[in-house]
Amino acid sequence: MSRRHHPATADALTFEERRAHARRERQRVNVRLRDLAMVAGDGDEPGAGWRPERRHEFSTPSYRREWRHWKQPFWKRRSASRRERAVLERAVAG
C-alpha cells in the first residue's frame, strides 16, 4: 500500500518502540488522573461502586466450555456400533 498519507515517523519506529511509547503515554495519563483525584477528592480513588457494570454476568467459569457430544470418542463408538448392528440386522432379515 502507499505510504503517501502516513507520516514519515511511522517508518522510523519499530513495534517495540511503539509499544513502549504507548505504555509511557498510558502511565502518564494514569498518573495525571490519580493526581487530579487526590486534589479534587479526599485522596481516595473511587471504589468498586464507581466501576461500570459488566455487559453480562458469567454464569459458568470460562474453563468449562460446552463440549460437542458428536465429536467425542464415546459418541463415535456408539454411532459405529449402531451402524454395525444395522448391517447385521439387514443381513439376517434379507
N, C-alpha and C. Protein backbone atom coordinates (compact mmCIF):
# COMPACT_ATOMS: atom_id res chain seq x y z
N MET A 1 0.84 -1.19 0.00
CA MET A 1 0.00 0.00 0.00
C MET A 1 0.88 1.24 0.00
N SER A 2 0.29 2.32 -0.39
CA SER A 2 1.03 3.57 -0.48
C SER A 2 1.30 4.15 0.89
N ARG A 3 2.46 4.74 1.04
CA ARG A 3 2.82 5.41 2.29
C ARG A 3 2.63 6.92 2.18
N ARG A 4 1.95 7.36 1.15
CA ARG A 4 1.83 8.78 0.88
C ARG A 4 1.14 9.52 2.03
N HIS A 5 0.13 8.91 2.62
CA HIS A 5 -0.64 9.60 3.66
C HIS A 5 -0.16 9.31 5.07
N HIS A 6 0.91 8.53 5.18
CA HIS A 6 1.43 8.22 6.50
C HIS A 6 2.56 9.18 6.84
N PRO A 7 2.67 9.54 8.12
CA PRO A 7 3.77 10.44 8.48
C PRO A 7 5.12 9.73 8.34
N ALA A 8 6.14 10.51 8.18
CA ALA A 8 7.49 9.95 7.99
C ALA A 8 7.97 9.23 9.24
N THR A 9 7.50 9.62 10.42
CA THR A 9 7.96 8.99 11.65
C THR A 9 7.40 7.60 11.83
N ALA A 10 6.33 7.26 11.11
CA ALA A 10 5.74 5.93 11.27
C ALA A 10 6.70 4.85 10.81
N ASP A 11 7.54 5.14 9.85
CA ASP A 11 8.51 4.16 9.38
C ASP A 11 9.67 4.01 10.35
N ALA A 12 9.97 5.05 11.10
CA ALA A 12 11.15 5.05 11.95
C ALA A 12 10.96 4.21 13.22
N LEU A 13 9.75 4.09 13.71
CA LEU A 13 9.52 3.38 14.97
C LEU A 13 9.28 1.90 14.72
N THR A 14 9.95 1.08 15.51
CA THR A 14 9.72 -0.36 15.43
C THR A 14 8.52 -0.71 16.30
N PHE A 15 8.12 -1.97 16.23
CA PHE A 15 6.97 -2.42 17.02
C PHE A 15 7.22 -2.21 18.52
N GLU A 16 8.42 -2.57 18.97
CA GLU A 16 8.74 -2.44 20.39
C GLU A 16 8.75 -0.98 20.83
N GLU A 17 9.25 -0.10 19.96
CA GLU A 17 9.28 1.32 20.30
C GLU A 17 7.87 1.89 20.39
N ARG A 18 7.01 1.49 19.45
CA ARG A 18 5.62 1.99 19.51
C ARG A 18 4.92 1.47 20.75
N ARG A 19 5.21 0.23 21.11
CA ARG A 19 4.59 -0.36 22.30
C ARG A 19 5.05 0.36 23.57
N ALA A 20 6.36 0.64 23.64
CA ALA A 20 6.90 1.35 24.79
C ALA A 20 6.34 2.77 24.87
N HIS A 21 6.21 3.41 23.73
CA HIS A 21 5.65 4.76 23.71
C HIS A 21 4.20 4.75 24.20
N ALA A 22 3.41 3.78 23.75
CA ALA A 22 2.02 3.69 24.19
C ALA A 22 1.94 3.43 25.69
N ARG A 23 2.84 2.60 26.21
CA ARG A 23 2.84 2.31 27.64
C ARG A 23 3.19 3.57 28.44
N ARG A 24 4.21 4.31 27.97
CA ARG A 24 4.57 5.56 28.66
C ARG A 24 3.40 6.55 28.66
N GLU A 25 2.69 6.61 27.54
CA GLU A 25 1.55 7.53 27.44
C GLU A 25 0.43 7.12 28.41
N ARG A 26 0.15 5.82 28.47
CA ARG A 26 -0.88 5.34 29.42
C ARG A 26 -0.47 5.64 30.85
N GLN A 27 0.80 5.39 31.16
CA GLN A 27 1.28 5.66 32.51
C GLN A 27 1.17 7.14 32.84
N ARG A 28 1.51 8.01 31.90
CA ARG A 28 1.43 9.45 32.11
C ARG A 28 -0.01 9.88 32.38
N VAL A 29 -0.94 9.35 31.61
CA VAL A 29 -2.35 9.69 31.79
C VAL A 29 -2.86 9.19 33.14
N ASN A 30 -2.48 7.97 33.51
CA ASN A 30 -2.94 7.42 34.79
C ASN A 30 -2.40 8.21 35.97
N VAL A 31 -1.14 8.62 35.90
CA VAL A 31 -0.57 9.43 36.98
C VAL A 31 -1.29 10.76 37.07
N ARG A 32 -1.56 11.37 35.94
CA ARG A 32 -2.27 12.66 35.93
C ARG A 32 -3.67 12.52 36.51
N LEU A 33 -4.38 11.46 36.14
CA LEU A 33 -5.73 11.24 36.68
C LEU A 33 -5.68 10.99 38.19
N ARG A 34 -4.68 10.24 38.64
CA ARG A 34 -4.55 9.98 40.07
C ARG A 34 -4.28 11.27 40.82
N ASP A 35 -3.43 12.14 40.25
CA ASP A 35 -3.14 13.42 40.89
C ASP A 35 -4.39 14.30 40.96
N LEU A 36 -5.17 14.31 39.90
CA LEU A 36 -6.41 15.09 39.91
C LEU A 36 -7.39 14.55 40.93
N ALA A 37 -7.45 13.24 41.08
CA ALA A 37 -8.36 12.65 42.07
C ALA A 37 -7.94 13.04 43.48
N MET A 38 -6.63 13.10 43.72
CA MET A 38 -6.14 13.49 45.04
C MET A 38 -6.47 14.95 45.34
N VAL A 39 -6.38 15.80 44.34
CA VAL A 39 -6.66 17.23 44.55
C VAL A 39 -8.15 17.46 44.72
N ALA A 40 -8.96 16.82 43.88
CA ALA A 40 -10.40 17.08 43.89
C ALA A 40 -11.10 16.42 45.06
N GLY A 41 -10.67 15.23 45.43
CA GLY A 41 -11.39 14.49 46.46
C GLY A 41 -10.67 14.46 47.77
N ASP A 42 -10.96 13.42 48.51
CA ASP A 42 -10.35 13.26 49.82
C ASP A 42 -9.08 12.43 49.77
N GLY A 43 -8.60 12.14 48.58
CA GLY A 43 -7.36 11.39 48.47
C GLY A 43 -7.57 9.94 48.13
N ASP A 44 -8.80 9.47 48.19
CA ASP A 44 -9.07 8.08 47.87
C ASP A 44 -9.51 7.97 46.42
N GLU A 45 -9.10 6.90 45.80
CA GLU A 45 -9.58 6.65 44.45
C GLU A 45 -11.00 6.10 44.55
N PRO A 46 -11.78 6.24 43.48
CA PRO A 46 -13.12 5.70 43.52
C PRO A 46 -13.11 4.19 43.73
N GLY A 47 -14.08 3.72 44.47
CA GLY A 47 -14.12 2.30 44.80
C GLY A 47 -14.77 1.47 43.72
N ALA A 48 -15.13 0.24 44.10
CA ALA A 48 -15.71 -0.70 43.14
C ALA A 48 -17.08 -0.23 42.66
N GLY A 49 -17.78 0.55 43.47
CA GLY A 49 -19.09 1.04 43.07
C GLY A 49 -19.03 2.02 41.91
N TRP A 50 -17.88 2.63 41.72
CA TRP A 50 -17.74 3.60 40.64
C TRP A 50 -17.59 2.91 39.29
N ARG A 51 -17.06 1.70 39.29
CA ARG A 51 -16.80 1.00 38.03
C ARG A 51 -18.11 0.66 37.32
N PRO A 52 -18.12 0.75 36.00
CA PRO A 52 -19.33 0.38 35.27
C PRO A 52 -19.59 -1.12 35.38
N GLU A 53 -20.86 -1.49 35.27
CA GLU A 53 -21.20 -2.90 35.37
C GLU A 53 -20.76 -3.64 34.12
N ARG A 54 -20.58 -4.92 34.28
CA ARG A 54 -20.23 -5.74 33.13
C ARG A 54 -21.43 -5.87 32.22
N ARG A 55 -21.14 -6.11 30.94
CA ARG A 55 -22.24 -6.24 30.00
C ARG A 55 -23.01 -7.53 30.21
N HIS A 56 -22.38 -8.56 30.75
CA HIS A 56 -23.06 -9.81 31.01
C HIS A 56 -22.42 -10.47 32.21
N GLU A 57 -23.20 -11.25 32.88
CA GLU A 57 -22.69 -11.99 34.02
C GLU A 57 -22.16 -13.33 33.53
N PHE A 58 -21.11 -13.79 34.15
CA PHE A 58 -20.55 -15.07 33.78
C PHE A 58 -21.22 -16.14 34.61
N SER A 59 -22.08 -16.93 33.98
CA SER A 59 -22.80 -17.96 34.72
C SER A 59 -21.93 -19.20 34.93
N THR A 60 -21.07 -19.51 33.98
CA THR A 60 -20.18 -20.66 34.13
C THR A 60 -18.75 -20.18 34.04
N PRO A 61 -17.85 -20.88 34.69
CA PRO A 61 -16.44 -20.49 34.58
C PRO A 61 -15.97 -20.57 33.14
N SER A 62 -14.96 -19.78 32.81
CA SER A 62 -14.51 -19.70 31.43
C SER A 62 -13.85 -21.00 30.99
N TYR A 63 -13.31 -21.79 31.94
CA TYR A 63 -12.64 -23.01 31.55
C TYR A 63 -13.62 -24.12 31.21
N ARG A 64 -14.90 -23.99 31.59
CA ARG A 64 -15.89 -25.03 31.28
C ARG A 64 -16.65 -24.64 30.04
N ARG A 65 -16.28 -25.24 28.94
CA ARG A 65 -16.98 -24.99 27.70
C ARG A 65 -17.96 -26.12 27.46
N GLU A 66 -19.01 -25.78 26.76
CA GLU A 66 -19.95 -26.82 26.37
C GLU A 66 -19.30 -27.64 25.27
N TRP A 67 -19.09 -28.92 25.52
CA TRP A 67 -18.46 -29.75 24.52
C TRP A 67 -19.49 -30.34 23.59
N ARG A 68 -19.07 -30.59 22.39
CA ARG A 68 -19.97 -31.13 21.36
C ARG A 68 -19.95 -32.64 21.46
N HIS A 69 -21.09 -33.22 21.78
CA HIS A 69 -21.11 -34.65 22.04
C HIS A 69 -20.77 -35.48 20.80
N TRP A 70 -21.09 -34.98 19.61
CA TRP A 70 -20.82 -35.77 18.41
C TRP A 70 -19.35 -35.79 18.03
N LYS A 71 -18.55 -34.99 18.73
CA LYS A 71 -17.12 -35.00 18.46
C LYS A 71 -16.36 -35.84 19.49
N GLN A 72 -17.05 -36.37 20.45
CA GLN A 72 -16.40 -37.14 21.49
C GLN A 72 -16.25 -38.61 21.09
N PRO A 73 -15.22 -39.28 21.58
CA PRO A 73 -14.98 -40.68 21.19
C PRO A 73 -16.14 -41.61 21.52
N PHE A 74 -16.78 -41.41 22.68
CA PHE A 74 -17.87 -42.33 23.05
C PHE A 74 -19.02 -42.22 22.05
N TRP A 75 -19.26 -41.03 21.55
CA TRP A 75 -20.36 -40.86 20.59
C TRP A 75 -20.01 -41.52 19.27
N LYS A 76 -18.75 -41.42 18.87
CA LYS A 76 -18.31 -42.06 17.63
C LYS A 76 -18.39 -43.58 17.76
N ARG A 77 -18.03 -44.11 18.94
CA ARG A 77 -18.15 -45.56 19.16
C ARG A 77 -19.60 -46.00 19.08
N ARG A 78 -20.49 -45.19 19.69
CA ARG A 78 -21.92 -45.53 19.65
C ARG A 78 -22.44 -45.54 18.23
N SER A 79 -22.06 -44.54 17.45
CA SER A 79 -22.51 -44.45 16.06
C SER A 79 -21.99 -45.63 15.25
N ALA A 80 -20.73 -45.99 15.48
CA ALA A 80 -20.15 -47.12 14.74
C ALA A 80 -20.84 -48.41 15.12
N SER A 81 -21.13 -48.60 16.40
CA SER A 81 -21.79 -49.85 16.81
C SER A 81 -23.22 -49.91 16.28
N ARG A 82 -23.92 -48.80 16.22
CA ARG A 82 -25.27 -48.79 15.62
C ARG A 82 -25.21 -49.13 14.14
N ARG A 83 -24.21 -48.59 13.46
CA ARG A 83 -24.05 -48.88 12.03
C ARG A 83 -23.79 -50.37 11.81
N GLU A 84 -22.91 -50.96 12.63
CA GLU A 84 -22.62 -52.39 12.51
C GLU A 84 -23.85 -53.23 12.81
N ARG A 85 -24.60 -52.85 13.84
CA ARG A 85 -25.81 -53.60 14.20
C ARG A 85 -26.84 -53.53 13.08
N ALA A 86 -26.97 -52.37 12.44
CA ALA A 86 -27.91 -52.22 11.33
C ALA A 86 -27.50 -53.11 10.15
N VAL A 87 -26.20 -53.20 9.88
CA VAL A 87 -25.73 -54.07 8.79
C VAL A 87 -26.04 -55.52 9.10
N LEU A 88 -25.81 -55.94 10.37
CA LEU A 88 -26.11 -57.33 10.76
C LEU A 88 -27.60 -57.62 10.66
N GLU A 89 -28.44 -56.70 11.10
CA GLU A 89 -29.89 -56.93 11.04
C GLU A 89 -30.36 -57.03 9.61
N ARG A 90 -29.80 -56.21 8.72
CA ARG A 90 -30.18 -56.30 7.30
C ARG A 90 -29.73 -57.63 6.69
N ALA A 91 -28.56 -58.12 7.12
CA ALA A 91 -28.06 -59.39 6.61
C ALA A 91 -28.92 -60.55 7.08
N VAL A 92 -29.38 -60.49 8.35
CA VAL A 92 -30.22 -61.56 8.90
C VAL A 92 -31.62 -61.51 8.28
N ALA A 93 -32.17 -60.33 8.11
CA ALA A 93 -33.52 -60.17 7.57
C ALA A 93 -33.57 -60.45 6.08
N GLY A 94 -32.54 -60.16 5.36
CA GLY A 94 -32.56 -60.25 3.90
C GLY A 94 -32.05 -61.52 3.40
